[in-house]
Amino acid sequence: MDWVTFGRSLFTVVCFAFFIVVLIIAYSKRSRSRYEEAAKLPFLDDDKVEEAGREQASSGARK
């Protein structure tokens, strides 16, 4: 076995180990609250739009 093949094999193993570590961090219980908060972000502005009323709600165009 030459060094190039060994290097490629080692790189594959290191990348796989890094992938497993990222999965463990992403699905840990400590990260759950952070992800739940981020999942609610798109819905935070809905209340402000309803309070402004339909007449004042912007369609994206400036007057």
N, C-alpha and C. Protein backbone atom coordinates (compact mmCIF):
# COMPACT_ATOMS: atom_id res chain seq x y z
N MET A 1 0.85 -1.16 0.00
CA MET A 1 0.00 0.00 0.00
C MET A 1 0.90 1.24 0.00
N ASP A 2 0.66 2.15 -0.91
CA ASP A 2 1.47 3.36 -0.99
C ASP A 2 0.90 4.46 -0.10
N TRP A 3 1.63 5.55 0.02
CA TRP A 3 1.25 6.64 0.91
C TRP A 3 -0.01 7.39 0.45
N VAL A 4 -0.22 7.46 -0.85
CA VAL A 4 -1.40 8.17 -1.35
C VAL A 4 -2.67 7.44 -0.94
N THR A 5 -2.69 6.15 -1.08
CA THR A 5 -3.85 5.35 -0.69
C THR A 5 -4.07 5.44 0.82
N PHE A 6 -2.99 5.38 1.58
CA PHE A 6 -3.09 5.50 3.03
C PHE A 6 -3.63 6.88 3.42
N GLY A 7 -3.15 7.92 2.77
CA GLY A 7 -3.61 9.27 3.06
C GLY A 7 -5.08 9.45 2.75
N ARG A 8 -5.54 8.91 1.63
CA ARG A 8 -6.95 8.99 1.27
C ARG A 8 -7.82 8.23 2.26
N SER A 9 -7.35 7.08 2.69
CA SER A 9 -8.11 6.30 3.67
C SER A 9 -8.19 7.04 5.00
N LEU A 10 -7.07 7.61 5.42
CA LEU A 10 -7.04 8.35 6.67
C LEU A 10 -7.96 9.57 6.59
N PHE A 11 -7.94 10.28 5.48
CA PHE A 11 -8.81 11.44 5.29
C PHE A 11 -10.28 11.04 5.36
N THR A 12 -10.64 9.90 4.78
CA THR A 12 -12.02 9.42 4.82
C THR A 12 -12.45 9.11 6.25
N VAL A 13 -11.58 8.47 7.00
CA VAL A 13 -11.90 8.14 8.40
C VAL A 13 -12.04 9.41 9.24
N VAL A 14 -11.17 10.38 9.04
CA VAL A 14 -11.24 11.64 9.80
C VAL A 14 -12.52 12.39 9.45
N CYS A 15 -12.89 12.45 8.18
CA CYS A 15 -14.13 13.12 7.79
C CYS A 15 -15.36 12.42 8.37
N PHE A 16 -15.36 11.11 8.38
CA PHE A 16 -16.48 10.36 8.96
C PHE A 16 -16.57 10.62 10.46
N ALA A 17 -15.44 10.66 11.15
CA ALA A 17 -15.44 10.94 12.59
C ALA A 17 -15.95 12.36 12.86
N PHE A 18 -15.56 13.31 12.03
CA PHE A 18 -16.04 14.69 12.17
C PHE A 18 -17.55 14.75 11.97
N PHE A 19 -18.06 14.01 11.00
CA PHE A 19 -19.50 13.95 10.73
C PHE A 19 -20.25 13.40 11.94
N ILE A 20 -19.74 12.36 12.54
CA ILE A 20 -20.38 11.77 13.72
C ILE A 20 -20.38 12.76 14.89
N VAL A 21 -19.29 13.49 15.07
CA VAL A 21 -19.22 14.48 16.15
C VAL A 21 -20.25 15.59 15.92
N VAL A 22 -20.40 16.04 14.69
CA VAL A 22 -21.39 17.08 14.37
C VAL A 22 -22.80 16.57 14.66
N LEU A 23 -23.09 15.33 14.31
CA LEU A 23 -24.40 14.76 14.60
C LEU A 23 -24.67 14.69 16.10
N ILE A 24 -23.68 14.29 16.85
CA ILE A 24 -23.84 14.20 18.31
C ILE A 24 -24.12 15.58 18.90
N ILE A 25 -23.40 16.58 18.45
CA ILE A 25 -23.61 17.95 18.96
C ILE A 25 -24.98 18.46 18.54
N ALA A 26 -25.38 18.22 17.31
CA ALA A 26 -26.65 18.74 16.81
C ALA A 26 -27.85 18.12 17.51
N TYR A 27 -27.76 16.86 17.86
CA TYR A 27 -28.89 16.19 18.49
C TYR A 27 -28.77 16.05 20.00
N SER A 28 -27.85 16.77 20.61
CA SER A 28 -27.71 16.68 22.06
C SER A 28 -28.84 17.46 22.73
N LYS A 29 -29.14 17.11 23.95
CA LYS A 29 -30.20 17.77 24.70
C LYS A 29 -29.85 19.21 25.02
N ARG A 30 -28.58 19.51 25.12
CA ARG A 30 -28.15 20.86 25.44
C ARG A 30 -28.46 21.83 24.30
N SER A 31 -28.48 21.35 23.07
CA SER A 31 -28.74 22.20 21.91
C SER A 31 -30.22 22.33 21.60
N ARG A 32 -31.05 21.54 22.22
CA ARG A 32 -32.47 21.52 21.90
C ARG A 32 -33.14 22.87 22.11
N SER A 33 -32.87 23.54 23.21
CA SER A 33 -33.52 24.82 23.48
C SER A 33 -33.12 25.87 22.45
N ARG A 34 -31.88 25.83 22.02
CA ARG A 34 -31.42 26.78 21.01
C ARG A 34 -32.13 26.56 19.68
N TYR A 35 -32.32 25.31 19.30
CA TYR A 35 -32.99 25.00 18.04
C TYR A 35 -34.50 25.28 18.12
N GLU A 36 -35.11 25.06 19.26
CA GLU A 36 -36.53 25.37 19.41
C GLU A 36 -36.76 26.87 19.32
N GLU A 37 -35.88 27.66 19.88
CA GLU A 37 -35.99 29.11 19.79
C GLU A 37 -35.82 29.57 18.34
N ALA A 38 -34.88 29.00 17.64
CA ALA A 38 -34.66 29.37 16.24
C ALA A 38 -35.83 28.94 15.36
N ALA A 39 -36.50 27.86 15.71
CA ALA A 39 -37.64 27.40 14.92
C ALA A 39 -38.83 28.35 15.05
N LYS A 40 -38.91 29.08 16.15
CA LYS A 40 -40.03 30.00 16.38
C LYS A 40 -39.78 31.38 15.77
N LEU A 41 -38.59 31.68 15.32
CA LEU A 41 -38.27 33.01 14.81
C LEU A 41 -39.13 33.45 13.63
N PRO A 42 -39.44 32.61 12.66
CA PRO A 42 -40.25 33.10 11.53
C PRO A 42 -41.65 33.53 11.93
N PHE A 43 -42.14 33.10 13.05
CA PHE A 43 -43.51 33.40 13.45
C PHE A 43 -43.62 34.59 14.41
N LEU A 44 -42.52 35.20 14.79
CA LEU A 44 -42.56 36.29 15.76
C LEU A 44 -43.17 37.56 15.18
N ASP A 45 -42.99 37.85 13.92
CA ASP A 45 -43.50 39.08 13.33
C ASP A 45 -44.98 39.00 12.98
N ASP A 46 -45.59 37.85 13.01
CA ASP A 46 -47.00 37.72 12.67
C ASP A 46 -47.89 38.54 13.59
N ASP A 47 -47.57 38.60 14.86
CA ASP A 47 -48.37 39.37 15.81
C ASP A 47 -48.32 40.86 15.48
N LYS A 48 -47.18 41.36 15.09
CA LYS A 48 -47.05 42.78 14.77
C LYS A 48 -47.87 43.14 13.54
N VAL A 49 -47.93 42.27 12.56
CA VAL A 49 -48.71 42.53 11.35
C VAL A 49 -50.19 42.54 11.67
N GLU A 50 -50.66 41.64 12.51
CA GLU A 50 -52.07 41.61 12.88
C GLU A 50 -52.45 42.85 13.67
N GLU A 51 -51.57 43.36 14.52
CA GLU A 51 -51.86 44.56 15.30
C GLU A 51 -51.94 45.80 14.41
N ALA A 52 -51.16 45.86 13.37
CA ALA A 52 -51.14 47.03 12.50
C ALA A 52 -52.42 47.14 11.68
N GLY A 53 -53.12 46.06 11.48
CA GLY A 53 -54.34 46.08 10.70
C GLY A 53 -54.05 45.84 9.23
N ARG A 54 -55.10 45.54 8.50
CA ARG A 54 -54.92 45.21 7.09
C ARG A 54 -54.58 46.44 6.25
N GLU A 55 -55.05 47.60 6.64
CA GLU A 55 -54.79 48.81 5.86
C GLU A 55 -53.34 49.25 5.96
N GLN A 56 -52.73 49.04 7.09
CA GLN A 56 -51.37 49.50 7.31
C GLN A 56 -50.34 48.43 6.97
N ALA A 57 -50.77 47.22 6.72
CA ALA A 57 -49.83 46.15 6.42
C ALA A 57 -49.15 46.42 5.10
N SER A 58 -47.88 46.28 5.07
CA SER A 58 -47.11 46.60 3.87
C SER A 58 -47.12 45.43 2.91
N SER A 59 -47.20 45.76 1.63
CA SER A 59 -47.11 44.72 0.61
C SER A 59 -45.71 44.66 0.03
N GLY A 60 -44.81 45.43 0.58
CA GLY A 60 -43.43 45.43 0.11
C GLY A 60 -43.10 46.65 -0.73
N ALA A 61 -44.10 47.36 -1.22
CA ALA A 61 -43.86 48.54 -2.05
C ALA A 61 -43.91 49.79 -1.18
N ARG A 62 -43.08 50.74 -1.50
CA ARG A 62 -43.06 52.01 -0.76
C ARG A 62 -44.00 53.00 -1.41
N LYS A 63 -44.60 53.82 -0.58
CA LYS A 63 -45.52 54.85 -1.11
C LYS A 63 -44.77 56.11 -1.44
